[in-house]
Amino acid sequence: MTITALAETGSTEPVDGRAWALQLGYFSSLQNALNFKDQLTEAGFEAEAVAADEPGKQGYRVIGGWADDPEEFDALRNRLQDAVGERGFVLKNPYIGRTVQMAEESVEEDSDLVKRRTLLAQASNIQPAGGESVGSAADRGYDNSMFRTPQDEINSMPGFTAGGLNIIPTLGLSIGYDDNITRASIDQQSSFFYMISPAIRVELPTDRSILAVTAAMDIVRYSDSETDDREPWYVRGDWAWDPSPRQDVNLFTQYQQGVDERGTGRRQGDVGLVPVEPDEWKRWDYGGMWRYGAVGSRGKLDLRAGASNLDYTNNPDGTYLLERDWYFYGGTFYWRVAPKTSLVADLLYTDINYVADESDNDSTETSWMLGVSWDASARTSGTIRYGDQEKDFDDPDVRDYNGPTWMASVDWRPRTYSTFTLTTTRNTQEPDGGGQYVVRQDISLAWLHQWATRFGTAVDIGYGEDDYRPDVRTDEIWYYGIAAYYTFNPHFRFGLSWQGYDQSSDEAEFSYTRNIYMLTLEASF
């Protein structure tokens, strides 16, 4: 028998090279993971809580076994179903070639060891924790969770080990159809397209730190619109260091080159129909975060800071007014008021400066939020924050903004293989499409479900509103999508997706509908 099942052998170490793992639960709280593990033990099944290698956050998988072939889990899953009503789901082993990050039995007894072993989970893709709202239009759109390539999951793929390095190469090949490339209200232009998405991530882990470099590109070609061909790419470096049981340091730097697609940025509306090459840009981001607080401690503090620079490289007559740089700093304080609930206080300051002397959009933003974060049970977790945001312009003739801001995300897992996520936000954006600023608010619901060992689906729907101020226009948009994927083996996955957009505006030229259909083959090595 080639399966190594914890329920049968009591082994706590995955066999190196085993391609598949049986995940019985996923938790953001270590204590919840250990509680679920204890429930399985009481039912006669031994399992382990393992630190999860998830992008930019600390999480824990409860693993029940390891195997070379996913079908070898069938008998174990049937016994689990009969005993505890859960079958779990099978995933590619994310720990091949890596030191296993086992969680300890007690958070209090050996928090130093627990903290060291969760370092890898915190080291992947630490995003700028502030200032995203002033990025280019290319990274601020309403994109649902369907339009993804393997590089979006590269942090949790196994890869291989060579010379002490973890190397994770991926490749996505997609064929699709876009029925409204320029997001136009009239004279919609449609085209078939293909996309090639190569990426590679190289990691150098040590006992207390991990250094990672990631590079990725999307090569997009349209059969009927060469003007919209593009090759956005980026290179990113991350360094995570755990100097003590109570401290984490995460630093990042990223350089990227991209394109404001026609129908976005300053080319929204009828202007997007003009067959001129899209606006191209380059951007630097760098910064970091310092976290103080041991695992299981009552209070934790995150301090973060960073800076960004955005330059356009073509169409200078129109793009120079969009060039800007900004920096931010802030912090988040967590105070645990119950074993599974913490109060949260968040403060963020951002200073935005435009390159053009004649621009009157220079401003500072200050926001604060209070809220709560919880893991009420193995099925429900989330965070809700609400507060106030001020945007003060340097030009005294420009009216300042003061209004509510919020962010909330709630996960509900009726089964370990099925998750619903409700998300809502409100904040300000920079006005690539006119006005002094944009007040954006949205809400979305996503459902991910693993129907069988190899087959899963994702569905989402969302609503957003962009209010261009002062007194420019208001856009309302519905966005939705559905995707299905089938996993052939640990290295290949086939996907089929559809995503749709329906925008209405009080200025007719900015209203449009759009549908994108895609077939994708994803490969990892």
Protein backbone atom coordinates (compact mmCIF):
# COMPACT_ATOMS: atom_id res chain seq x y z
CA MET A 1 0.00 0.00 0.00
CA THR A 2 1.62 3.27 -1.11
CA ILE A 3 -0.50 5.62 1.00
CA THR A 4 0.95 6.93 4.23
CA ALA A 5 -2.18 7.65 6.28
CA LEU A 6 -1.81 9.25 9.67
CA ALA A 7 -5.05 7.60 10.68
CA GLU A 8 -3.37 4.20 10.29
CA THR A 9 0.33 4.65 11.00
CA GLY A 10 0.50 7.61 13.34
CA SER A 11 3.27 9.12 11.19
CA THR A 12 3.68 12.85 11.54
CA GLU A 13 6.11 13.38 8.65
CA PRO A 14 5.02 13.45 4.98
CA VAL A 15 7.07 11.04 2.84
CA ASP A 16 9.36 13.08 0.57
CA GLY A 17 8.15 12.82 -3.00
CA ARG A 18 4.56 11.85 -2.17
CA ALA A 19 2.57 13.93 -4.66
CA TRP A 20 -0.76 14.26 -2.85
CA ALA A 21 -2.07 15.19 0.60
CA LEU A 22 -5.46 14.70 2.24
CA GLN A 23 -6.53 18.02 3.76
CA LEU A 24 -9.22 17.71 6.42
CA GLY A 25 -9.44 21.40 7.33
CA TYR A 26 -7.91 24.84 6.85
CA PHE A 27 -7.75 27.47 9.63
CA SER A 28 -6.32 30.93 10.14
CA SER A 29 -6.16 30.23 13.89
CA LEU A 30 -3.63 27.72 15.24
CA GLN A 31 -5.84 27.00 18.22
CA ASN A 32 -8.82 26.17 15.97
CA ALA A 33 -6.63 23.81 13.93
CA LEU A 34 -5.49 22.04 17.11
CA ASN A 35 -9.10 21.83 18.37
CA PHE A 36 -10.18 20.18 15.12
CA LYS A 37 -7.21 17.82 15.30
CA ASP A 38 -8.30 16.83 18.82
CA GLN A 39 -11.83 16.10 17.57
CA LEU A 40 -10.39 13.75 14.95
CA THR A 41 -8.21 12.06 17.59
CA GLU A 42 -11.25 11.46 19.80
CA ALA A 43 -12.94 9.82 16.79
CA GLY A 44 -9.94 7.52 16.28
CA PHE A 45 -8.10 9.39 13.54
CA GLU A 46 -4.64 10.81 14.04
CA ALA A 47 -3.82 14.00 12.11
CA GLU A 48 -1.38 16.89 12.25
CA ALA A 49 -1.79 20.66 12.14
CA VAL A 50 0.72 21.95 9.60
CA ALA A 51 1.68 25.57 8.92
CA ALA A 52 0.24 26.45 5.50
CA ASP A 53 2.34 28.01 2.77
CA GLU A 54 -0.23 30.61 1.75
CA PRO A 55 0.54 33.99 0.10
CA GLY A 56 1.03 36.71 2.64
CA LYS A 57 -0.78 35.17 5.60
CA GLN A 58 -0.36 32.66 8.37
CA GLY A 59 -2.66 29.66 8.18
CA TYR A 60 -2.81 26.00 9.19
CA ARG A 61 -3.82 22.85 7.34
CA VAL A 62 -5.04 19.77 9.18
CA ILE A 63 -3.55 16.89 7.18
CA GLY A 64 -4.71 13.27 7.41
CA GLY A 65 -2.35 11.48 5.03
CA TRP A 66 0.02 11.48 2.05
CA ALA A 67 -0.04 9.37 -1.11
CA ASP A 68 1.39 8.90 -4.59
CA ASP A 69 -2.06 8.50 -6.18
CA PRO A 70 -5.13 10.48 -5.07
CA GLU A 71 -7.39 7.45 -5.51
CA GLU A 72 -5.56 5.75 -2.66
CA PHE A 73 -7.34 8.10 -0.25
CA ASP A 74 -10.80 6.72 -1.11
CA ALA A 75 -11.02 4.15 1.69
CA LEU A 76 -9.74 6.57 4.32
CA ARG A 77 -12.15 9.27 3.17
CA ASN A 78 -15.08 6.85 3.37
CA ARG A 79 -14.18 5.96 6.97
CA LEU A 80 -13.89 9.67 7.84
CA GLN A 81 -17.30 10.31 6.29
CA ASP A 82 -18.90 7.56 8.35
CA ALA A 83 -17.20 8.63 11.59
CA VAL A 84 -17.21 12.44 11.56
CA GLY A 85 -19.25 13.44 8.49
CA GLU A 86 -16.24 14.96 6.68
CA ARG A 87 -14.37 13.58 3.68
CA GLY A 88 -11.77 16.31 3.33
CA PHE A 89 -10.29 16.95 -0.10
CA VAL A 90 -7.15 15.98 -1.92
CA LEU A 91 -4.56 18.55 -2.98
CA LYS A 92 -1.09 18.52 -4.44
CA ASN A 93 1.45 18.07 -1.65
CA PRO A 94 2.74 21.61 -0.96
CA TYR A 95 5.61 20.36 1.22
CA ILE A 96 7.59 18.27 -1.26
CA GLY A 97 11.27 19.08 -0.85
CA ARG A 98 10.67 21.36 2.12
CA THR A 99 11.09 21.15 5.86
CA VAL A 100 7.72 20.15 7.28
CA GLN A 101 6.20 22.98 9.30
CA MET A 102 4.50 21.10 12.13
CA ALA A 103 2.43 23.01 14.67
CA GLU A 104 3.01 22.19 18.32
CA GLU A 105 0.56 20.61 20.72
CA SER A 106 0.53 23.67 22.97
CA VAL A 107 0.76 27.28 21.92
CA GLU A 108 1.91 28.34 25.35
CA GLU A 109 4.53 25.65 26.02
CA ASP A 110 6.82 26.25 23.04
CA SER A 111 5.77 29.41 21.25
CA ASP A 112 9.35 29.97 20.01
CA LEU A 113 9.28 26.73 18.01
CA VAL A 114 5.79 27.42 16.71
CA LYS A 115 6.81 30.91 15.55
CA ARG A 116 9.89 29.63 13.74
CA ARG A 117 7.91 26.98 11.95
CA THR A 118 5.27 29.42 10.69
CA LEU A 119 7.86 31.66 9.03
CA LEU A 120 7.44 30.11 5.61
CA ALA A 121 3.70 30.71 5.75
CA GLN A 122 4.29 34.43 6.30
CA ALA A 123 7.07 34.94 3.78
CA SER A 124 5.21 34.67 0.48
CA ASN A 125 4.18 37.70 -1.51
CA ILE A 126 3.86 40.29 1.25
CA GLN A 127 1.91 43.02 -0.55
CA PRO A 128 2.21 46.75 0.08
CA ALA A 129 -0.14 47.15 3.01
CA GLY A 130 -1.08 50.67 1.99
CA GLY A 131 -1.05 52.86 -1.06
CA GLU A 132 -2.60 50.31 -3.44
CA SER A 133 -5.45 52.74 -4.07
CA VAL A 134 -3.13 55.09 -5.90
CA GLY A 135 -1.75 52.53 -8.31
CA SER A 136 -2.39 52.44 -12.03
CA ALA A 137 -5.75 51.51 -13.46
CA ALA A 138 -4.32 48.20 -14.56
CA ASP A 139 -4.33 46.86 -10.99
CA ARG A 140 -7.49 48.53 -9.71
CA GLY A 141 -10.18 46.99 -11.92
CA TYR A 142 -13.14 44.90 -10.86
CA ASP A 143 -11.71 41.49 -11.65
CA ASN A 144 -13.45 38.43 -10.33
CA SER A 145 -11.60 35.36 -9.11
CA MET A 146 -11.93 33.47 -12.39
CA PHE A 147 -9.31 35.28 -14.48
CA ARG A 148 -6.23 33.68 -13.02
CA THR A 149 -2.99 32.08 -14.22
CA PRO A 150 -0.66 29.62 -12.44
CA GLN A 151 1.60 32.46 -11.29
CA ASP A 152 -1.16 33.57 -8.90
CA GLU A 153 -0.73 30.28 -7.00
CA ILE A 154 3.02 29.94 -7.40
CA ASN A 155 3.65 30.50 -3.67
CA SER A 156 1.84 27.29 -2.69
CA MET A 157 3.16 24.98 -5.44
CA PRO A 158 5.72 22.28 -4.60
CA GLY A 159 8.37 22.73 -7.32
CA PHE A 160 11.68 20.95 -6.77
CA THR A 161 14.88 21.38 -4.74
CA ALA A 162 18.35 21.96 -6.21
CA GLY A 163 21.47 23.17 -4.41
CA GLY A 164 19.52 24.10 -1.29
CA LEU A 165 17.04 26.20 -3.29
CA ASN A 166 13.31 25.61 -3.76
CA ILE A 167 12.60 26.24 -7.46
CA ILE A 168 9.01 26.56 -8.67
CA PRO A 169 8.49 27.04 -12.42
CA THR A 170 4.95 27.32 -13.82
CA LEU A 171 3.37 27.86 -17.22
CA GLY A 172 -0.16 28.76 -18.28
CA LEU A 173 -1.51 28.44 -21.82
CA SER A 174 -4.90 30.04 -22.46
CA ILE A 175 -7.19 30.48 -25.44
CA GLY A 176 -10.09 32.85 -25.12
CA TYR A 177 -12.68 35.14 -26.67
CA ASP A 178 -13.38 38.74 -25.60
CA ASP A 179 -16.57 40.29 -27.00
CA ASN A 180 -15.74 43.89 -26.03
CA ILE A 181 -12.00 44.50 -25.84
CA THR A 182 -12.20 48.27 -25.31
CA ARG A 183 -15.19 48.26 -22.89
CA ALA A 184 -17.13 50.40 -25.39
CA SER A 185 -20.82 51.32 -25.32
CA ILE A 186 -21.02 51.31 -29.14
CA ASP A 187 -19.00 49.73 -31.96
CA GLN A 188 -17.78 46.92 -29.70
CA GLN A 189 -14.68 45.18 -30.98
CA SER A 190 -14.38 41.44 -30.34
CA SER A 191 -11.54 39.01 -30.91
CA PHE A 192 -10.13 35.62 -30.09
CA PHE A 193 -6.88 35.77 -28.14
CA TYR A 194 -4.26 33.56 -26.59
CA MET A 195 -2.17 34.12 -23.47
CA ILE A 196 1.11 32.51 -22.43
CA SER A 197 1.95 32.97 -18.74
CA PRO A 198 5.41 31.77 -17.66
CA ALA A 199 6.62 32.32 -14.09
CA ILE A 200 9.36 31.14 -11.77
CA ARG A 201 9.94 31.47 -8.04
CA VAL A 202 13.23 30.68 -6.30
CA GLU A 203 13.36 30.37 -2.50
CA LEU A 204 16.33 30.16 -0.16
CA PRO A 205 15.06 29.06 3.28
CA THR A 206 17.04 28.94 6.52
CA ASP A 207 16.02 28.23 10.11
CA ARG A 208 14.90 31.80 10.78
CA SER A 209 14.54 33.45 7.38
CA ILE A 210 13.53 32.92 3.80
CA LEU A 211 14.59 34.86 0.71
CA ALA A 212 12.42 34.55 -2.40
CA VAL A 213 12.59 35.99 -5.92
CA THR A 214 9.62 35.71 -8.28
CA ALA A 215 9.43 36.65 -11.97
CA ALA A 216 6.33 36.39 -14.15
CA MET A 217 4.95 37.54 -17.50
CA ASP A 218 1.70 37.44 -19.48
CA ILE A 219 2.12 37.38 -23.26
CA VAL A 220 -1.27 38.28 -24.77
CA ARG A 221 -2.06 38.27 -28.51
CA TYR A 222 -5.38 39.16 -30.22
CA SER A 223 -6.23 37.72 -33.62
CA ASP A 224 -8.26 40.78 -34.71
CA SER A 225 -6.70 43.63 -32.73
CA GLU A 226 -2.91 43.81 -32.75
CA THR A 227 -3.17 47.22 -31.07
CA ASP A 228 -4.15 45.49 -27.84
CA ASP A 229 -1.30 42.96 -27.79
CA ARG A 230 0.70 43.28 -24.57
CA GLU A 231 3.44 41.70 -22.46
CA PRO A 232 3.16 42.88 -18.83
CA TRP A 233 5.80 41.43 -16.48
CA TYR A 234 7.26 41.86 -13.01
CA VAL A 235 10.16 40.81 -10.81
CA ARG A 236 9.73 40.70 -7.05
CA GLY A 237 11.98 40.01 -4.09
CA ASP A 238 10.77 39.07 -0.58
CA TRP A 239 12.75 38.54 2.59
CA ALA A 240 11.18 37.30 5.82
CA TRP A 241 13.19 37.11 9.03
CA ASP A 242 12.19 35.83 12.46
CA PRO A 243 14.74 37.39 14.85
CA SER A 244 12.97 36.31 18.05
CA PRO A 245 9.86 34.46 19.27
CA ARG A 246 7.99 37.77 19.43
CA GLN A 247 9.14 39.45 16.22
CA ASP A 248 8.80 39.05 12.45
CA VAL A 249 10.34 41.28 9.79
CA ASN A 250 9.13 41.17 6.17
CA LEU A 251 10.71 43.28 3.40
CA PHE A 252 9.82 43.40 -0.30
CA THR A 253 10.71 45.18 -3.52
CA GLN A 254 9.00 44.86 -6.87
CA TYR A 255 9.50 46.24 -10.36
CA GLN A 256 6.84 45.84 -13.01
CA GLN A 257 6.02 47.01 -16.50
CA GLY A 258 2.42 47.06 -17.59
CA VAL A 259 -0.27 48.56 -19.78
CA ASP A 260 -3.49 50.49 -19.19
CA GLU A 261 -5.71 48.51 -21.54
CA ARG A 262 -7.97 50.45 -23.87
CA GLY A 263 -11.17 51.23 -22.00
CA THR A 264 -9.32 51.85 -18.72
CA GLY A 265 -7.35 54.75 -17.26
CA ARG A 266 -7.53 57.90 -19.38
CA ARG A 267 -8.85 55.85 -22.35
CA GLN A 268 -12.31 55.11 -20.93
CA GLY A 269 -15.45 55.65 -22.97
CA ASP A 270 -15.38 56.63 -26.65
CA VAL A 271 -11.66 57.50 -26.42
CA GLY A 272 -10.93 53.81 -26.08
CA LEU A 273 -12.12 53.22 -29.66
CA VAL A 274 -9.24 55.26 -31.10
CA PRO A 275 -6.73 52.71 -32.54
CA VAL A 276 -3.71 54.14 -30.71
CA GLU A 277 -1.43 51.85 -28.70
CA PRO A 278 -2.41 51.60 -25.03
CA ASP A 279 -0.59 53.62 -22.39
CA GLU A 280 2.44 51.74 -21.07
CA TRP A 281 3.96 52.27 -17.64
CA LYS A 282 6.64 51.10 -15.23
CA ARG A 283 6.34 51.01 -11.47
CA TRP A 284 8.58 50.46 -8.43
CA ASP A 285 7.21 49.31 -5.06
CA TYR A 286 9.22 48.67 -1.93
CA GLY A 287 8.63 48.54 1.80
CA GLY A 288 8.04 46.17 4.65
CA MET A 289 6.32 45.23 7.87
CA TRP A 290 7.46 44.56 11.45
CA ARG A 291 5.24 42.41 13.63
CA TYR A 292 5.56 42.21 17.41
CA GLY A 293 3.71 39.56 19.38
CA ALA A 294 4.23 35.88 20.11
CA VAL A 295 1.91 33.15 18.96
CA GLY A 296 -0.91 32.94 21.50
CA SER A 297 -0.15 36.33 23.09
CA ARG A 298 -3.00 38.65 24.00
CA GLY A 299 -1.72 41.63 22.00
CA LYS A 300 -0.02 41.96 18.60
CA LEU A 301 1.24 44.99 16.69
CA ASP A 302 1.96 45.32 12.96
CA LEU A 303 3.89 48.36 11.72
CA ARG A 304 4.28 48.85 7.96
CA ALA A 305 5.74 51.40 5.57
CA GLY A 306 6.56 51.64 1.88
CA ALA A 307 6.85 53.79 -1.21
CA SER A 308 5.95 53.55 -4.90
CA ASN A 309 6.76 55.37 -8.13
CA LEU A 310 4.69 55.28 -11.34
CA ASP A 311 6.07 56.50 -14.68
CA TYR A 312 4.52 56.25 -18.16
CA THR A 313 6.79 55.35 -21.05
CA ASN A 314 4.75 56.31 -24.14
CA ASN A 315 2.03 58.73 -25.29
CA PRO A 316 3.65 61.54 -23.26
CA ASP A 317 1.17 64.23 -24.32
CA GLY A 318 -1.56 62.58 -22.29
CA THR A 319 0.14 60.37 -19.73
CA TYR A 320 2.48 62.83 -18.01
CA LEU A 321 -0.41 64.10 -15.91
CA LEU A 322 -0.82 60.58 -14.43
CA GLU A 323 2.78 60.12 -13.29
CA ARG A 324 3.16 60.20 -9.52
CA ASP A 325 4.90 58.79 -6.49
CA TRP A 326 3.65 58.12 -3.01
CA TYR A 327 4.69 56.74 0.33
CA PHE A 328 2.73 55.32 3.22
CA TYR A 329 3.13 54.21 6.82
CA GLY A 330 0.75 52.86 9.41
CA GLY A 331 -0.01 50.10 11.85
CA THR A 332 -2.55 47.61 13.10
CA PHE A 333 -3.04 46.57 16.72
CA TYR A 334 -4.80 43.34 17.73
CA TRP A 335 -6.10 42.71 21.26
CA ARG A 336 -7.47 39.26 22.01
CA VAL A 337 -10.62 39.54 24.12
CA ALA A 338 -11.61 35.88 23.84
CA PRO A 339 -9.83 32.70 22.73
CA LYS A 340 -11.10 33.13 19.18
CA THR A 341 -11.84 36.86 18.96
CA SER A 342 -9.63 39.98 18.77
CA LEU A 343 -10.41 43.67 18.62
CA VAL A 344 -8.56 45.54 15.87
CA ALA A 345 -7.38 49.15 15.51
CA ASP A 346 -5.86 50.28 12.20
CA LEU A 347 -4.22 53.57 11.14
CA LEU A 348 -2.78 54.44 7.69
CA TYR A 349 -1.21 57.63 6.30
CA THR A 350 -0.42 58.11 2.57
CA ASP A 351 1.26 61.08 0.87
CA ILE A 352 0.62 61.35 -2.91
CA ASN A 353 2.64 63.63 -5.20
CA TYR A 354 2.16 64.12 -8.95
CA VAL A 355 5.14 64.83 -11.19
CA ALA A 356 3.47 67.52 -13.35
CA ASP A 357 3.82 71.01 -11.88
CA GLU A 358 0.37 72.02 -13.14
CA SER A 359 -1.36 69.13 -11.38
CA ASP A 360 -3.65 70.06 -8.49
CA ASN A 361 -4.13 66.45 -7.33
CA ASP A 362 -1.31 66.33 -4.73
CA SER A 363 -2.85 65.17 -1.48
CA THR A 364 -2.48 63.30 1.78
CA GLU A 365 -4.80 60.57 3.00
CA THR A 366 -5.38 59.58 6.62
CA SER A 367 -7.64 56.71 7.56
CA TRP A 368 -8.43 54.92 10.79
CA MET A 369 -10.60 51.87 11.39
CA LEU A 370 -11.81 49.90 14.40
CA GLY A 371 -13.14 46.39 14.18
CA VAL A 372 -13.09 42.77 15.17
CA SER A 373 -11.41 39.62 13.86
CA TRP A 374 -12.68 36.18 14.80
CA ASP A 375 -12.62 32.43 14.27
CA ALA A 376 -15.93 31.59 15.87
CA SER A 377 -15.69 27.95 14.88
CA ALA A 378 -14.04 25.63 12.41
CA ARG A 379 -16.67 26.76 9.91
CA THR A 380 -16.72 30.55 10.33
CA SER A 381 -14.02 33.21 10.45
CA GLY A 382 -13.68 36.81 9.35
CA THR A 383 -12.71 40.40 9.99
CA ILE A 384 -14.78 43.58 9.95
CA ARG A 385 -13.30 47.10 10.19
CA TYR A 386 -15.05 50.45 9.95
CA GLY A 387 -13.73 53.98 10.28
CA ASP A 388 -13.11 57.34 8.66
CA GLN A 389 -10.93 58.54 5.78
CA GLU A 390 -9.74 62.08 5.07
CA LYS A 391 -8.19 63.24 1.80
CA ASP A 392 -6.58 66.69 2.08
CA PHE A 393 -5.42 68.40 -1.11
CA ASP A 394 -2.36 70.64 -1.16
CA ASP A 395 -4.22 73.15 -3.37
CA PRO A 396 -6.51 75.21 -1.11
CA ASP A 397 -8.94 75.73 -4.01
CA VAL A 398 -9.68 72.00 -4.25
CA ARG A 399 -12.38 70.69 -1.94
CA ASP A 400 -11.13 68.08 0.58
CA TYR A 401 -12.91 64.79 1.23
CA ASN A 402 -14.01 63.24 4.51
CA GLY A 403 -16.13 60.09 4.62
CA PRO A 404 -16.56 56.58 5.95
CA THR A 405 -14.19 53.77 5.03
CA TRP A 406 -14.50 50.06 5.70
CA MET A 407 -13.31 46.59 4.82
CA ALA A 408 -14.81 43.25 5.74
CA SER A 409 -14.25 39.64 4.76
CA VAL A 410 -16.17 36.68 6.16
CA ASP A 411 -15.57 33.00 5.35
CA TRP A 412 -18.17 30.30 5.91
CA ARG A 413 -17.21 26.64 5.41
CA PRO A 414 -20.26 24.37 5.51
CA ARG A 415 -17.82 21.57 4.62
CA THR A 416 -14.04 21.37 4.61
CA TYR A 417 -14.19 21.17 0.81
CA SER A 418 -16.63 24.08 0.35
CA THR A 419 -16.08 27.76 1.22
CA PHE A 420 -18.21 30.90 0.81
CA THR A 421 -16.45 34.27 1.10
CA LEU A 422 -18.24 37.61 1.44
CA THR A 423 -16.08 40.73 0.94
CA THR A 424 -16.86 44.45 0.97
CA THR A 425 -14.69 47.60 0.90
CA ARG A 426 -14.95 51.37 0.63
CA ASN A 427 -12.05 53.81 0.06
CA THR A 428 -10.76 56.46 -2.34
CA GLN A 429 -8.89 55.92 -5.62
CA GLU A 430 -6.83 58.20 -7.83
CA PRO A 431 -8.70 59.70 -10.82
CA ASP A 432 -7.20 58.09 -13.93
CA GLY A 433 -10.56 58.59 -15.60
CA GLY A 434 -11.31 62.22 -14.63
CA GLY A 435 -12.06 64.33 -11.56
CA GLN A 436 -9.98 64.93 -8.44
CA TYR A 437 -10.60 61.54 -6.82
CA VAL A 438 -12.89 58.50 -6.95
CA VAL A 439 -14.88 57.07 -4.05
CA ARG A 440 -15.10 53.32 -4.64
CA GLN A 441 -17.23 50.82 -2.77
CA ASP A 442 -17.97 47.21 -3.65
CA ILE A 443 -19.30 43.94 -2.33
CA SER A 444 -18.74 40.42 -3.66
CA LEU A 445 -19.60 36.81 -2.84
CA ALA A 446 -17.49 33.84 -3.96
CA TRP A 447 -18.09 30.11 -3.61
CA LEU A 448 -15.32 27.52 -4.04
CA HIS A 449 -16.28 23.85 -3.99
CA GLN A 450 -14.30 20.62 -4.47
CA TRP A 451 -16.82 18.20 -5.97
CA ALA A 452 -14.41 15.29 -6.34
CA THR A 453 -10.75 14.49 -5.93
CA ARG A 454 -9.83 15.96 -9.29
CA PHE A 455 -12.73 18.32 -10.03
CA GLY A 456 -13.65 21.68 -8.52
CA THR A 457 -15.58 24.85 -9.34
CA ALA A 458 -15.59 28.52 -8.38
CA VAL A 459 -18.49 30.96 -8.69
CA ASP A 460 -18.58 34.63 -7.77
CA ILE A 461 -20.72 37.72 -8.17
CA GLY A 462 -20.03 41.32 -7.17
CA TYR A 463 -21.33 44.87 -7.35
CA GLY A 464 -19.22 48.03 -7.37
CA GLU A 465 -19.76 51.78 -7.54
CA ASP A 466 -17.22 54.43 -8.62
CA ASP A 467 -18.17 58.02 -7.81
CA TYR A 468 -15.87 60.42 -9.71
CA ARG A 469 -15.73 63.66 -7.73
CA PRO A 470 -16.37 66.50 -7.66
CA ASP A 471 -19.54 66.11 -9.75
CA VAL A 472 -18.06 64.23 -12.72
CA ARG A 473 -20.00 60.97 -13.01
CA THR A 474 -21.00 57.78 -11.21
CA ASP A 475 -20.41 54.29 -12.62
CA GLU A 476 -22.15 51.17 -11.30
CA ILE A 477 -20.93 47.72 -12.31
CA TRP A 478 -21.99 44.12 -11.82
CA TYR A 479 -19.30 41.52 -12.32
CA TYR A 480 -19.71 37.76 -12.17
CA GLY A 481 -18.10 34.55 -13.28
CA ILE A 482 -17.96 30.80 -13.11
CA ALA A 483 -15.00 28.46 -13.56
CA ALA A 484 -14.34 24.75 -13.43
CA TYR A 485 -11.06 22.88 -13.35
CA TYR A 486 -9.94 19.28 -13.67
CA THR A 487 -6.60 18.06 -12.33
CA PHE A 488 -5.00 15.41 -14.54
CA ASN A 489 -1.98 14.81 -12.29
CA PRO A 490 0.24 16.79 -9.88
CA HIS A 491 1.67 18.84 -12.75
CA PHE A 492 -1.24 19.56 -15.10
CA ARG A 493 -4.65 21.15 -14.63
CA PHE A 494 -7.29 22.06 -17.22
CA GLY A 495 -9.68 24.96 -16.67
CA LEU A 496 -12.76 26.48 -18.31
CA SER A 497 -14.11 29.90 -17.27
CA TRP A 498 -16.52 32.68 -18.15
CA GLN A 499 -16.56 36.16 -16.67
CA GLY A 500 -18.97 38.97 -17.35
CA TYR A 501 -19.23 42.70 -16.68
CA ASP A 502 -22.26 45.00 -16.92
CA GLN A 503 -21.52 48.68 -16.24
CA SER A 504 -24.02 51.51 -16.27
CA SER A 505 -23.09 55.18 -15.96
CA ASP A 506 -24.89 58.52 -15.84
CA GLU A 507 -22.65 59.37 -18.83
CA ALA A 508 -23.84 57.03 -21.61
CA GLU A 509 -20.45 56.54 -23.26
CA PHE A 510 -19.08 54.85 -20.11
CA SER A 511 -21.78 52.14 -20.02
CA TYR A 512 -20.88 48.73 -21.45
CA THR A 513 -21.26 44.97 -21.23
CA ARG A 514 -18.40 42.54 -21.67
CA ASN A 515 -17.92 38.77 -21.66
CA ILE A 516 -14.65 36.81 -21.61
CA TYR A 517 -14.47 33.05 -22.23
CA MET A 518 -11.29 31.06 -21.58
CA LEU A 519 -9.82 27.58 -21.84
CA THR A 520 -6.61 27.18 -19.83
CA LEU A 521 -3.97 24.49 -19.37
CA GLU A 522 -1.82 25.04 -16.29
CA ALA A 523 1.48 23.29 -15.74
CA SER A 524 3.89 23.23 -12.81
CA PHE A 525 7.22 21.44 -12.66
